[in-house]
Structures are given as structure tokens and as C-alpha cells.
Amino acid sequence: MIANEETMQILMIKAQGGDKQCYSSLLAECEKWLRRYYARKINPAAIDDLVQETLISLHRKRASYDPTKAFLPWLAAIGRYRWIDSLRKIYRHEHDQLYEEMVADPQDGDVTAKVSLERLLGMIPEKQAEVISLVKIEGLSIHEAAAMTGQSESLVKVNIHRGLKKLSSMVETE
């Protein structure tokens, strides 16, 4: 039997009056109605959970039903709110998963150190950052760095010294 608006309204009024059998019938009819309602809205695998959550909400809100008003729009409103809540959960879960995939593992010290170093090197003059990277990070000699950058060997040494001094003072102030 598929209950209509009038039947469901009568069952709800009797259930509010304490008739347990009518309440049981009402819940069974609501379950059928909700399954049809959600069938076009969500993944079929999620229907059972959403129907149960909606029936729990109906149970909690049953005292707020006004017997002078139609029952199905009241049930549909509860169903709609539960459906929106489930979409929010799905969205949050997917957003959190995506965020976790995008963010480096905080335990990965190499990534954190590289990002911090690149940020610091970006705060000093380009020529100083370049020679510090070549000599102190990549391990080139002063002579090789001078040949690559077109700076004299003494200028490479001065730029390394000044750059490291600036970096040191920035790190101390942070």
C-alpha cells in the first residue's frame, strides 16, 4: 500500500495521540516515501543512511507537526534539510581529502626546509641569493660560481658573506 496525503496525515495525528500501531505504520510509509524522494537526488548506496537519519529527525520533530496542515510538505521539508546536511558532509569530506593531498606532510622536513629556504632567499638581493644557492646549497666552488654568474671570485665571496648576514638577521627577528 502506498499511503496518500490524507492517510499519512491521519496516521500522524493518531501517532501524536499515542497510538503506537499507527506510528509504526506511519514510519513504514514514510520510509517508502523517502526512498522514492531520495532516489533521484543521491547515490543509491547512501539512501539507507539518509532515510534513517530523516526518520530519526521525524521522530524528534513529531511534536512540532501541526495537524491542521498537510503532512507530506512537512515531511519533505525535513527530508530536504537532511539531504542538504548530507551534501555538506560529502563536500567537507571531499574538500578535506583534496586539501590533505595538496598539502605536504608536515613530517617531511625536506619539503618544509626547501620552502622556508626559498622564501628566505627571495627576501635578499638576487645576486646574493644566486651565489649562496650555487656555493652553499649545490656545492660549487667559488671559482665555478664566479664563472657561472659572471661575477669575480671576490664579488662572489662578498655576496655570499652579505647574503648570509642578511639571512641570519632575518631568521633572528622571526
Protein backbone atom coordinates (compact mmCIF):
# COMPACT_ATOMS: atom_id res chain seq x y z
CA MET A 1 0.00 0.00 0.00
CA ILE A 2 1.26 3.47 -0.87
CA ALA A 3 -0.30 5.90 1.53
CA ASN A 4 -1.60 9.19 0.27
CA GLU A 5 -1.50 12.59 1.97
CA GLU A 6 -4.77 12.07 3.82
CA THR A 7 -3.81 8.64 5.17
CA MET A 8 -0.39 9.81 6.33
CA GLN A 9 -1.91 12.87 7.99
CA ILE A 10 -4.41 10.69 9.89
CA LEU A 11 -1.64 8.29 10.93
CA MET A 12 0.46 11.20 12.21
CA ILE A 13 -2.43 12.71 14.18
CA LYS A 14 -3.13 9.34 15.81
CA ALA A 15 0.59 8.81 16.45
CA GLN A 16 0.75 12.19 18.18
CA GLY A 17 -2.16 10.96 20.32
CA GLY A 18 -0.11 7.96 21.45
CA ASP A 19 -1.27 5.20 19.05
CA LYS A 20 1.88 3.07 18.66
CA GLN A 21 0.50 0.93 15.85
CA CYS A 22 -0.38 4.00 13.79
CA TYR A 23 3.09 5.41 14.50
CA SER A 24 4.71 2.19 13.29
CA SER A 25 2.60 2.27 10.12
CA LEU A 26 3.41 5.93 9.61
CA LEU A 27 7.16 5.27 9.86
CA ALA A 28 6.90 2.41 7.36
CA GLU A 29 5.01 4.63 4.90
CA CYS A 30 7.43 7.50 5.44
CA GLU A 31 10.34 5.18 4.74
CA LYS A 32 8.82 4.18 1.37
CA TRP A 33 8.07 7.80 0.51
CA LEU A 34 11.57 8.96 1.48
CA ARG A 35 13.23 6.23 -0.60
CA ARG A 36 11.34 7.47 -3.65
CA TYR A 37 12.10 11.10 -2.73
CA TYR A 38 15.87 10.48 -2.42
CA ALA A 39 16.14 8.08 -5.38
CA ARG A 40 16.68 10.92 -7.85
CA LYS A 41 18.79 13.07 -5.53
CA ILE A 42 21.64 10.95 -4.18
CA ASN A 43 23.83 7.94 -4.77
CA PRO A 44 21.77 4.76 -4.24
CA ALA A 45 24.37 3.47 -1.76
CA ALA A 46 23.67 6.43 0.54
CA ILE A 47 19.87 6.19 0.55
CA ASP A 48 19.57 3.82 3.54
CA ASP A 49 21.59 6.06 5.85
CA LEU A 50 19.81 9.20 4.73
CA VAL A 51 16.36 7.64 5.14
CA GLN A 52 17.27 6.53 8.67
CA GLU A 53 18.60 9.97 9.58
CA THR A 54 15.40 11.53 8.24
CA LEU A 55 13.19 9.13 10.19
CA ILE A 56 15.13 9.98 13.34
CA SER A 57 14.56 13.67 12.63
CA LEU A 58 10.87 13.00 12.05
CA HIS A 59 10.74 11.20 15.39
CA ARG A 60 12.41 14.12 17.16
CA LYS A 61 10.23 16.72 15.44
CA ARG A 62 6.91 14.85 15.58
CA ALA A 63 5.55 17.08 18.34
CA SER A 64 6.06 20.13 16.11
CA TYR A 65 3.73 18.83 13.38
CA ASP A 66 0.59 20.96 13.09
CA PRO A 67 -2.41 18.65 12.40
CA THR A 68 -4.22 21.45 10.57
CA LYS A 69 -1.55 21.48 7.85
CA ALA A 70 -0.60 18.95 5.17
CA PHE A 71 1.76 16.18 6.28
CA LEU A 72 3.80 15.48 3.13
CA PRO A 73 5.18 19.04 2.73
CA TRP A 74 6.24 18.87 6.39
CA LEU A 75 7.97 15.53 5.76
CA ALA A 76 9.51 16.85 2.53
CA ALA A 77 10.97 19.83 4.41
CA ILE A 78 12.61 17.51 6.94
CA GLY A 79 13.87 15.33 4.08
CA ARG A 80 15.24 18.34 2.24
CA TYR A 81 17.16 19.54 5.31
CA ARG A 82 18.66 16.07 5.88
CA TRP A 83 19.59 15.88 2.19
CA ILE A 84 21.34 19.27 2.34
CA ASP A 85 23.19 18.20 5.50
CA SER A 86 24.39 15.05 3.75
CA LEU A 87 25.63 17.11 0.78
CA ARG A 88 27.54 19.35 3.18
CA LYS A 89 29.18 16.32 4.79
CA ILE A 90 30.16 14.94 1.39
CA TYR A 91 31.51 18.32 0.30
CA ARG A 92 33.51 18.77 3.52
CA HIS A 93 34.90 15.25 3.28
CA GLU A 94 35.96 15.68 -0.36
CA HIS A 95 37.38 19.14 0.37
CA ASP A 96 39.37 17.79 3.32
CA GLN A 97 40.68 14.88 1.25
CA LEU A 98 41.73 17.20 -1.56
CA TYR A 99 43.38 19.56 0.89
CA GLU A 100 45.28 16.69 2.53
CA GLU A 101 46.53 15.54 -0.87
CA MET A 102 47.68 19.05 -1.79
CA VAL A 103 49.47 19.87 1.44
CA ALA A 104 52.88 18.36 2.07
CA ASP A 105 53.25 16.09 5.05
CA PRO A 106 54.36 18.28 7.97
CA GLN A 107 56.68 15.44 8.97
CA ASP A 108 58.52 15.80 5.66
CA GLY A 109 61.34 18.06 6.81
CA ASP A 110 62.94 18.29 3.37
CA VAL A 111 59.87 19.91 1.83
CA THR A 112 59.41 22.30 4.74
CA ALA A 113 63.09 23.26 4.74
CA LYS A 114 63.14 23.83 0.98
CA VAL A 115 60.04 26.04 1.09
CA SER A 116 61.47 28.04 4.01
CA LEU A 117 64.84 28.42 2.31
CA GLU A 118 63.28 29.53 -0.98
CA ARG A 119 61.16 32.07 0.88
CA LEU A 120 64.22 33.45 2.70
CA LEU A 121 66.36 33.59 -0.43
CA GLY A 122 63.59 35.55 -2.12
CA MET A 123 63.97 38.25 0.52
CA ILE A 124 67.60 39.13 -0.28
CA PRO A 125 69.08 40.61 -3.48
CA GLU A 126 69.04 38.24 -6.44
CA LYS A 127 72.84 38.15 -6.96
CA GLN A 128 73.39 37.22 -3.31
CA ALA A 129 70.70 34.53 -3.39
CA GLU A 130 72.12 33.09 -6.60
CA VAL A 131 75.68 32.64 -5.32
CA ILE A 132 74.51 31.31 -1.94
CA SER A 133 72.45 28.68 -3.78
CA LEU A 134 75.31 27.72 -6.05
CA VAL A 135 78.06 27.55 -3.41
CA LYS A 136 76.33 26.66 -0.14
CA ILE A 137 73.43 24.52 -1.42
CA GLU A 138 74.61 23.00 -4.70
CA GLY A 139 78.23 22.70 -3.55
CA LEU A 140 80.03 24.51 -6.37
CA SER A 141 83.38 26.14 -5.72
CA ILE A 142 83.83 29.92 -5.61
CA HIS A 143 85.65 29.70 -8.94
CA GLU A 144 82.80 27.72 -10.59
CA ALA A 145 80.13 30.07 -9.19
CA ALA A 146 82.08 33.09 -10.47
CA ALA A 147 82.29 31.54 -13.95
CA MET A 148 78.53 30.74 -13.98
CA THR A 149 77.35 34.14 -12.75
CA GLY A 150 79.91 36.39 -14.43
CA GLN A 151 80.92 37.83 -11.05
CA SER A 152 84.52 37.99 -9.93
CA GLU A 153 85.62 35.49 -7.29
CA SER A 154 85.96 38.27 -4.71
CA LEU A 155 82.45 39.57 -5.52
CA VAL A 156 81.07 36.03 -5.11
CA LYS A 157 82.69 35.86 -1.66
CA VAL A 158 81.36 39.31 -0.69
CA ASN A 159 77.83 38.48 -1.92
CA ILE A 160 77.85 35.19 -0.01
CA HIS A 161 79.03 36.94 3.16
CA ARG A 162 76.50 39.79 2.89
CA GLY A 163 73.64 37.48 1.90
CA LEU A 164 74.28 35.08 4.78
CA LYS A 165 74.49 38.01 7.18
CA LYS A 166 71.09 39.33 5.99
CA LEU A 167 69.56 35.85 6.18
CA SER A 168 70.92 35.41 9.67
CA SER A 169 69.43 38.69 10.86
CA MET A 170 66.04 37.84 9.25
CA VAL A 171 65.96 34.45 10.95
CA GLU A 172 66.81 36.01 14.32
CA THR A 173 63.98 38.56 14.05
CA GLU A 174 61.33 35.95 13.09
